[in-house]
Protein backbone atom coordinates (compact mmCIF):
# COMPACT_ATOMS: atom_id res chain seq x y z
CA MET A 1 11.25 -4.58 4.83
CA PRO A 2 12.66 -3.80 1.36
CA LEU A 3 9.83 -2.26 -0.67
CA GLY A 4 10.96 -3.94 -3.87
CA LEU A 5 10.96 -7.35 -2.19
CA ALA A 6 7.43 -6.80 -0.89
CA GLU A 7 6.11 -5.96 -4.36
CA GLN A 8 8.08 -8.73 -6.06
CA THR A 9 6.83 -11.36 -3.63
CA GLU A 10 3.21 -10.46 -4.32
CA ILE A 11 3.36 -10.61 -8.11
CA ARG A 12 5.54 -13.73 -8.13
CA ALA A 13 2.90 -15.46 -6.03
CA TYR A 14 0.22 -14.68 -8.59
CA VAL A 15 2.39 -15.66 -11.56
CA ASP A 16 3.43 -18.95 -9.98
CA PHE A 17 -0.15 -19.71 -8.93
CA LEU A 18 -1.43 -19.36 -12.49
CA THR A 19 1.46 -20.45 -14.69
CA GLY A 20 2.19 -23.50 -12.55
CA ALA A 21 -1.12 -25.07 -13.57
CA PRO A 22 -1.08 -28.08 -15.92
CA ALA A 23 -0.85 -27.22 -19.62
CA PRO A 24 -4.49 -28.14 -20.46
CA VAL A 25 -5.72 -25.83 -17.69
CA ARG A 26 -3.45 -22.98 -18.81
CA GLU A 27 -4.68 -23.36 -22.36
CA ALA A 28 -8.34 -23.49 -21.35
CA LEU A 29 -8.00 -20.37 -19.21
CA GLY A 30 -5.70 -18.51 -21.60
CA ILE A 31 -2.91 -17.99 -19.07
CA ASP A 32 0.33 -16.29 -20.08
CA SER A 33 2.95 -14.05 -18.47
CA LEU A 34 5.63 -11.57 -19.46
CA HIS A 35 8.86 -10.59 -17.69
CA ILE A 36 10.11 -7.05 -18.39
CA GLY A 37 13.08 -6.03 -16.26
CA SER A 38 12.00 -6.45 -12.65
CA ALA A 39 8.30 -6.37 -13.56
CA LEU A 40 5.98 -9.28 -14.26
CA ALA A 41 2.70 -9.12 -16.17
CA LEU A 42 0.03 -11.80 -16.08
CA VAL A 43 -3.11 -12.53 -18.09
CA MET A 44 -5.97 -14.99 -17.88
CA ARG A 45 -8.13 -14.47 -20.95
CA GLU A 46 -11.01 -16.56 -19.58
CA ASP A 47 -11.19 -14.77 -16.23
CA PRO A 48 -14.75 -13.44 -15.81
CA SER A 49 -13.62 -11.19 -12.94
CA HIS A 50 -10.56 -9.73 -14.76
CA PHE A 51 -8.88 -9.97 -11.34
CA PHE A 52 -5.87 -11.94 -12.54
CA ASN A 53 -4.95 -9.56 -15.39
CA ARG A 54 -2.28 -7.65 -13.51
CA ALA A 55 1.30 -6.42 -13.55
CA GLY A 56 3.56 -5.73 -10.58
CA GLY A 57 7.07 -5.92 -9.21
CA PHE A 58 8.00 -2.55 -10.67
CA GLY A 59 10.93 -0.48 -9.46
CA ALA A 60 13.02 -3.22 -7.87
CA GLY A 61 16.40 -1.60 -8.49
CA GLU A 62 15.48 0.07 -11.76
CA PRO A 63 13.34 3.09 -12.73
CA ILE A 64 9.77 2.80 -13.97
CA THR A 65 9.60 4.19 -17.49
CA ALA A 66 6.79 4.87 -19.93
CA ASP A 67 8.40 2.38 -22.32
CA VAL A 68 8.18 -0.49 -19.82
CA LEU A 69 4.56 0.34 -19.01
CA ALA A 70 3.71 0.57 -22.70
CA GLN A 71 5.17 -2.90 -23.26
CA VAL A 72 2.80 -4.25 -20.61
CA CYS A 73 -0.15 -2.53 -22.32
CA ASP A 74 0.94 -4.07 -25.62
CA PHE A 75 1.09 -7.47 -23.92
CA TYR A 76 -2.46 -7.10 -22.65
CA ARG A 77 -3.59 -6.03 -26.11
CA GLU A 78 -1.81 -8.89 -27.88
CA GLN A 79 -3.33 -11.37 -25.44
CA GLY A 80 -6.80 -10.16 -26.34
CA VAL A 81 -7.84 -8.82 -22.94
CA SER A 82 -9.75 -5.56 -22.73
CA ARG A 83 -8.40 -4.43 -19.37
CA GLY A 84 -5.53 -5.06 -17.01
CA ALA A 85 -4.21 -3.64 -13.76
CA PHE A 86 -0.91 -2.02 -12.79
CA MET A 87 0.10 -2.48 -9.15
CA ILE A 88 2.77 0.12 -8.29
CA ALA A 89 3.81 1.29 -4.84
CA PRO A 90 3.13 5.05 -4.59
CA ALA A 91 6.73 5.86 -3.61
CA LEU A 92 7.90 4.31 -6.89
CA LEU A 93 5.70 6.33 -9.25
CA PRO A 94 7.87 8.53 -11.50
CA PRO A 95 7.57 12.35 -11.28
CA ASP A 96 5.80 12.51 -14.65
CA TRP A 97 3.27 9.83 -13.70
CA ALA A 98 0.20 11.97 -14.48
CA SER A 99 1.26 12.45 -18.09
CA ILE A 100 2.28 8.77 -18.45
CA ALA A 101 -1.06 7.59 -17.07
CA ALA A 102 -2.97 9.88 -19.43
CA ARG A 103 -0.93 8.76 -22.44
CA LEU A 104 -1.48 5.06 -21.71
CA ASN A 105 -5.15 5.45 -20.69
CA LEU A 106 -4.59 4.36 -17.08
CA THR A 107 -7.30 5.32 -14.61
CA LYS A 108 -7.58 5.02 -10.83
CA GLU A 109 -9.60 2.20 -9.35
CA ARG A 110 -9.92 0.51 -5.98
CA GLY A 111 -7.18 1.07 -3.44
CA TYR A 112 -5.40 -1.69 -1.55
CA VAL A 113 -3.47 -1.61 1.69
CA LYS A 114 -0.07 -3.27 1.51
CA LEU A 115 0.80 -4.74 4.89
CA GLY A 116 4.00 -6.22 6.21
CA CYS A 117 5.72 -7.40 9.34
CA ASP A 118 8.69 -9.43 10.42
CA THR A 119 7.91 -13.03 11.23
CA GLU A 120 8.87 -12.79 14.91
CA THR A 121 6.51 -9.87 15.48
CA MET A 122 3.61 -11.75 13.98
CA LEU A 123 4.33 -14.87 16.00
CA SER A 124 4.36 -12.88 19.23
CA ALA A 125 1.09 -11.02 18.45
CA ALA A 126 -2.03 -11.87 20.41
CA GLY A 127 -4.93 -13.82 18.92
CA GLY A 128 -4.72 -16.59 16.38
CA ILE A 129 -5.65 -20.20 16.86
CA GLY A 130 -7.10 -19.59 20.32
CA VAL A 131 -9.96 -17.52 18.89
CA LEU A 132 -11.44 -20.36 16.82
CA ALA A 133 -15.08 -21.06 17.59
CA PRO A 134 -15.90 -24.42 19.21
CA GLY A 135 -16.09 -27.22 16.69
CA LEU A 136 -13.52 -25.73 14.31
CA ARG A 137 -9.93 -26.87 13.86
CA VAL A 138 -7.05 -25.55 11.76
CA GLY A 139 -4.10 -27.30 10.17
CA PRO A 140 -2.15 -28.03 6.97
CA ILE A 141 -3.93 -29.91 4.22
CA GLU A 142 -2.89 -33.20 2.68
CA PRO A 143 -2.42 -33.66 -1.09
CA HIS A 144 -5.68 -35.59 -1.40
CA GLN A 145 -7.53 -32.55 -0.01
CA ALA A 146 -6.26 -30.20 -2.74
CA ASN A 147 -9.49 -30.19 -4.75
CA GLU A 148 -11.68 -29.46 -1.71
CA TRP A 149 -9.28 -26.70 -0.61
CA ALA A 150 -9.37 -25.12 -4.08
CA THR A 151 -13.14 -25.48 -4.35
CA VAL A 152 -13.65 -23.54 -1.11
CA MET A 153 -11.20 -20.85 -2.22
CA MET A 154 -13.00 -20.24 -5.50
CA ALA A 155 -16.55 -20.70 -4.16
CA ALA A 156 -15.93 -18.10 -1.44
CA ARG A 157 -14.98 -15.65 -4.19
CA GLY A 158 -18.01 -16.41 -6.31
CA LEU A 159 -15.88 -18.19 -8.94
CA PRO A 160 -16.81 -21.87 -8.63
CA LEU A 161 -15.49 -22.74 -12.11
CA GLN A 162 -13.83 -26.11 -12.60
CA ASN A 163 -10.81 -24.80 -14.52
CA LEU A 164 -10.11 -22.25 -11.77
CA ILE A 165 -10.48 -24.96 -9.14
CA ASP A 166 -8.05 -27.18 -11.05
CA MET A 167 -5.60 -24.30 -11.33
CA ALA A 168 -5.70 -23.57 -7.59
CA ALA A 169 -5.46 -27.25 -6.66
CA SER A 170 -2.31 -27.65 -8.76
CA SER A 171 -0.34 -25.38 -6.40
CA VAL A 172 -0.72 -27.87 -3.53
CA GLY A 173 2.47 -29.75 -2.81
CA LYS A 174 4.83 -27.38 -4.62
CA PRO A 175 8.06 -26.58 -2.72
CA ASN A 176 7.41 -22.82 -2.51
CA TRP A 177 3.80 -23.13 -1.30
CA ARG A 178 2.17 -24.05 2.00
CA HIS A 179 -1.59 -24.63 2.27
CA HIS A 180 -3.80 -24.62 5.35
CA ALA A 181 -7.50 -24.93 6.09
CA VAL A 182 -10.10 -24.71 8.82
CA TRP A 183 -12.47 -27.64 9.19
CA ASP A 184 -15.95 -27.77 10.67
CA GLY A 185 -16.16 -31.45 11.40
CA GLU A 186 -14.86 -33.15 8.26
CA ARG A 187 -15.69 -30.25 5.94
CA ILE A 188 -13.28 -27.48 4.92
CA VAL A 189 -14.90 -24.07 5.47
CA ALA A 190 -11.92 -21.69 5.20
CA VAL A 191 -8.58 -21.74 3.40
CA GLY A 192 -5.32 -19.86 3.08
CA GLY A 193 -1.88 -20.33 1.59
CA ILE A 194 1.55 -18.77 1.68
CA PHE A 195 3.98 -18.32 -1.18
CA ILE A 196 7.64 -18.39 -0.21
CA ASN A 197 9.99 -16.02 -2.04
CA GLY A 198 13.34 -16.41 -0.32
CA GLU A 199 13.21 -14.43 2.93
CA CYS A 200 9.69 -13.15 2.29
CA ALA A 201 6.33 -14.94 2.34
CA ASP A 202 3.06 -13.70 0.86
CA MET A 203 -0.24 -14.47 2.60
CA PHE A 204 -2.24 -15.74 -0.36
CA GLY A 205 -5.80 -16.79 -1.05
CA GLY A 206 -7.41 -16.39 2.36
CA ALA A 207 -11.13 -17.15 2.02
CA THR A 208 -14.02 -18.34 4.20
CA LEU A 209 -17.39 -19.67 3.11
CA GLN A 210 -20.18 -17.20 3.84
CA GLU A 211 -21.94 -19.33 6.43
CA SER A 212 -18.73 -19.86 8.44
CA ARG A 213 -17.54 -16.26 8.73
CA ASN A 214 -17.05 -14.40 12.02
CA ARG A 215 -15.93 -17.58 13.80
CA GLY A 216 -12.19 -16.88 13.97
CA ALA A 217 -11.16 -18.91 10.92
CA GLN A 218 -9.03 -16.28 9.19
CA SER A 219 -7.27 -15.24 12.41
CA ALA A 220 -6.37 -18.87 13.00
CA LEU A 221 -5.15 -19.21 9.43
CA LEU A 222 -2.98 -16.10 9.76
CA ALA A 223 -1.36 -17.51 12.90
CA ILE A 224 -0.65 -20.97 11.53
CA ARG A 225 0.69 -19.57 8.25
CA ALA A 226 3.06 -17.31 10.18
CA ARG A 227 4.47 -20.43 11.84
CA ALA A 228 4.84 -22.06 8.43
CA ALA A 229 6.67 -18.99 7.12
CA GLN A 230 9.07 -19.10 10.05
CA ALA A 231 9.69 -22.82 9.50
CA ALA A 232 10.50 -22.04 5.85
CA GLY A 233 13.14 -19.52 6.93
CA CYS A 234 11.21 -16.37 6.03
CA ARG A 235 12.20 -13.13 7.75
CA TRP A 236 9.22 -11.08 6.54
CA ILE A 237 5.58 -11.62 5.64
CA VAL A 238 3.44 -9.44 3.36
CA ALA A 239 -0.26 -9.28 2.59
CA GLU A 240 -2.72 -7.14 0.66
CA THR A 241 -6.36 -6.31 1.26
CA GLY A 242 -8.87 -3.71 0.23
CA ALA A 243 -8.52 -0.21 1.66
CA GLU A 244 -11.39 1.14 3.74
CA SER A 245 -13.43 4.04 2.44
CA PRO A 246 -15.22 6.33 4.90
CA GLY A 247 -17.94 4.29 6.57
CA ASP A 248 -16.55 0.95 5.33
CA HIS A 249 -15.27 -1.86 7.52
CA ASN A 250 -12.90 -4.45 6.03
CA THR A 251 -12.85 -7.39 8.43
CA SER A 252 -9.84 -8.88 6.67
CA LEU A 253 -7.82 -5.72 7.28
CA HIS A 254 -8.62 -5.66 10.99
CA ASN A 255 -7.82 -9.37 11.34
CA MET A 256 -4.39 -8.67 9.85
CA LEU A 257 -3.74 -5.69 12.11
CA ARG A 258 -4.59 -7.78 15.18
CA ALA A 259 -2.27 -10.49 13.90
CA GLY A 260 0.72 -8.12 13.95
CA PHE A 261 0.74 -6.67 10.45
CA GLU A 262 1.39 -2.95 9.96
CA PRO A 263 0.28 -0.90 6.94
CA MET A 264 3.19 -0.12 4.62
CA TYR A 265 1.24 2.07 2.20
CA GLU A 266 -2.06 2.35 0.37
CA ARG A 267 -1.70 1.50 -3.28
CA VAL A 268 -4.07 2.60 -6.01
CA THR A 269 -4.93 0.12 -8.74
CA TRP A 270 -4.19 1.74 -12.10
CA ARG A 271 -6.49 0.20 -14.69
CA TRP A 272 -5.67 0.01 -18.40
CA HIS A 273 -8.63 -0.16 -20.81
CA GLU A 274 -8.36 -0.99 -24.48
């Protein structure tokens, strides 16, 4: 899989997810984005988690320079956010990265594993829908279920804020998105989407309510989203999840490995602070 395509697909998913929201929601949340060469930077001024203040897509056919990175820092500063993240694949870091990071006040934070696979490999992997616990079912959502889907996504992340729910719900029905859920009876308990970027799809927004975890929901969602990616003509699928520290166990990571994903690299989050 082309490394640049993997990184571009991820950041484009985030940018489309936020900037595609209705204007009143974007204004309330303080959403804006910046395109610099191949890179994209994104801010949400009213994000209590600071998770969505990020920049990525670097190095797709052009070198990463201190000037480009400084422009992103200026963008964060002008938008009034106190911190923002740089997501850069380790193989793309320039030789003088240490001095650039020191000059721009970038520090290491949590590491993420970037995973990828071709669609056929994932479809042929064991597991998936068959592992769902009795009483659960998985499938695509309908437009009228967008708000419930978005509510579960944000509640599972501890961000049950109405503007964030409205933002997430607005992605439902867009041509480059597919949304799926797991139901327990008539109630959605787990969600996941894919963003389609040409030949590559990004597994986006997988989340399960606390009381419904360890029942096979995310494995089922990985399997059904792989089928959706194939139907959309995607050749590759990418995903990201937290790296494991010694003694840690990331269930999401192991679900993805069982589903056919392979680690591409571990990527440090470089955090800018004002």
